[in-house]
């Protein structure tokens, strides 16, 4: 990965309040366990399209369609509806 990409990733994660230590996660047992869990979850759905996007453990075709057109807007809308972020959150502007 190019240095600019790493710096941009770290800045993006920081501005979102997330950890940017992806390399450590990828190269440790935690990364392997998370990947195996994602595989287990994926197999539990009969997906016919990639990417298939699951929200809160449920597949919803309308959310899938909206996500393909406007992923950020869809996620922000769900988080706002749940009260996890405000309607004026800078990440959703």
Protein backbone atom coordinates (compact mmCIF):
# COMPACT_ATOMS: atom_id res chain seq x y z
CA UNK A 1 0.00 0.00 0.00
CA UNK A 2 1.37 3.42 -0.92
CA UNK A 3 2.29 5.82 1.88
CA UNK A 4 -0.35 8.34 0.71
CA UNK A 5 -3.02 5.65 0.93
CA UNK A 6 -1.97 4.75 4.46
CA UNK A 7 -1.97 8.40 5.55
CA UNK A 8 -5.38 9.00 3.93
CA UNK A 9 -6.79 5.87 5.58
CA UNK A 10 -5.51 6.98 9.00
CA UNK A 11 -6.94 10.49 8.54
CA UNK A 12 -10.29 9.14 7.39
CA UNK A 13 -10.52 6.71 10.30
CA UNK A 14 -9.48 9.37 12.82
CA UNK A 15 -12.02 11.89 11.55
CA UNK A 16 -14.70 9.19 11.93
CA UNK A 17 -13.60 8.28 15.44
CA UNK A 18 -12.36 4.85 14.31
CA UNK A 19 -9.07 3.05 14.81
CA UNK A 20 -6.80 3.03 11.78
CA UNK A 21 -4.68 0.11 12.98
CA UNK A 22 -5.89 -2.15 10.18
CA UNK A 23 -2.50 -3.75 9.50
CA UNK A 24 -2.25 -4.96 13.09
CA UNK A 25 -5.74 -6.41 12.90
CA UNK A 26 -5.03 -8.10 9.56
CA UNK A 27 -1.82 -9.69 10.77
CA UNK A 28 -3.02 -11.02 14.13
CA UNK A 29 -5.36 -13.73 15.34
CA UNK A 30 -8.10 -11.12 15.73
CA UNK A 31 -8.08 -10.45 11.98
CA UNK A 32 -8.33 -14.16 11.23
CA UNK A 33 -11.20 -14.60 13.70
CA UNK A 34 -13.09 -11.63 12.25
CA UNK A 35 -12.63 -12.98 8.72
CA UNK A 36 -13.89 -16.43 9.75
CA UNK A 37 -16.91 -14.88 11.48
CA UNK A 38 -17.69 -12.83 8.35
CA UNK A 39 -17.44 -16.02 6.28
CA UNK A 40 -19.81 -17.84 8.64
CA UNK A 41 -22.33 -15.01 8.48
CA UNK A 42 -22.07 -14.77 4.69
CA UNK A 43 -22.77 -18.49 4.29
CA UNK A 44 -25.91 -18.17 6.41
CA UNK A 45 -27.52 -16.05 3.66
CA UNK A 46 -28.38 -17.33 0.21
CA UNK A 47 -26.79 -14.47 -1.66
CA UNK A 48 -27.15 -14.20 -5.41
CA UNK A 49 -25.44 -10.85 -5.91
CA UNK A 50 -22.14 -9.32 -4.84
CA UNK A 51 -22.05 -7.08 -2.97
CA UNK A 52 -25.00 -8.14 -0.86
CA UNK A 53 -25.38 -5.67 1.98
CA UNK A 54 -26.90 -6.83 5.26
CA UNK A 55 -28.02 -4.31 7.88
CA UNK A 56 -28.58 -5.37 11.48
CA UNK A 57 -28.54 -9.04 10.51
CA UNK A 58 -31.41 -8.69 8.02
CA UNK A 59 -31.40 -8.49 4.23
CA UNK A 60 -33.73 -5.81 2.88
CA UNK A 61 -33.96 -5.40 -0.91
CA UNK A 62 -34.96 -1.73 -0.66
CA UNK A 63 -31.94 -0.96 1.54
CA UNK A 64 -29.76 -2.97 -0.84
CA UNK A 65 -30.95 -0.92 -3.82
CA UNK A 66 -30.53 2.38 -1.94
CA UNK A 67 -27.07 1.34 -0.75
CA UNK A 68 -25.90 0.65 -4.29
CA UNK A 69 -26.99 4.14 -5.33
CA UNK A 70 -25.95 6.03 -2.18
CA UNK A 71 -24.15 3.92 0.43
CA UNK A 72 -23.14 6.81 2.68
CA UNK A 73 -26.62 8.32 2.61
CA UNK A 74 -28.23 4.98 3.40
CA UNK A 75 -25.91 4.25 6.32
CA UNK A 76 -26.25 7.80 7.66
CA UNK A 77 -30.03 7.60 7.41
CA UNK A 78 -30.11 4.36 9.38
CA UNK A 79 -27.73 5.67 12.04
CA UNK A 80 -29.71 8.90 12.35
CA UNK A 81 -33.00 7.02 12.61
CA UNK A 82 -31.53 4.86 15.38
CA UNK A 83 -30.22 7.94 17.18
CA UNK A 84 -26.56 6.94 16.91
CA UNK A 85 -25.60 10.17 15.14
CA UNK A 86 -27.25 13.57 14.81
CA UNK A 87 -28.89 14.79 11.63
CA UNK A 88 -26.16 17.42 11.39
CA UNK A 89 -23.22 15.00 11.65
CA UNK A 90 -20.40 16.20 9.37
CA UNK A 91 -19.74 12.68 8.09
CA UNK A 92 -23.17 12.62 6.50
CA UNK A 93 -22.97 15.98 4.74
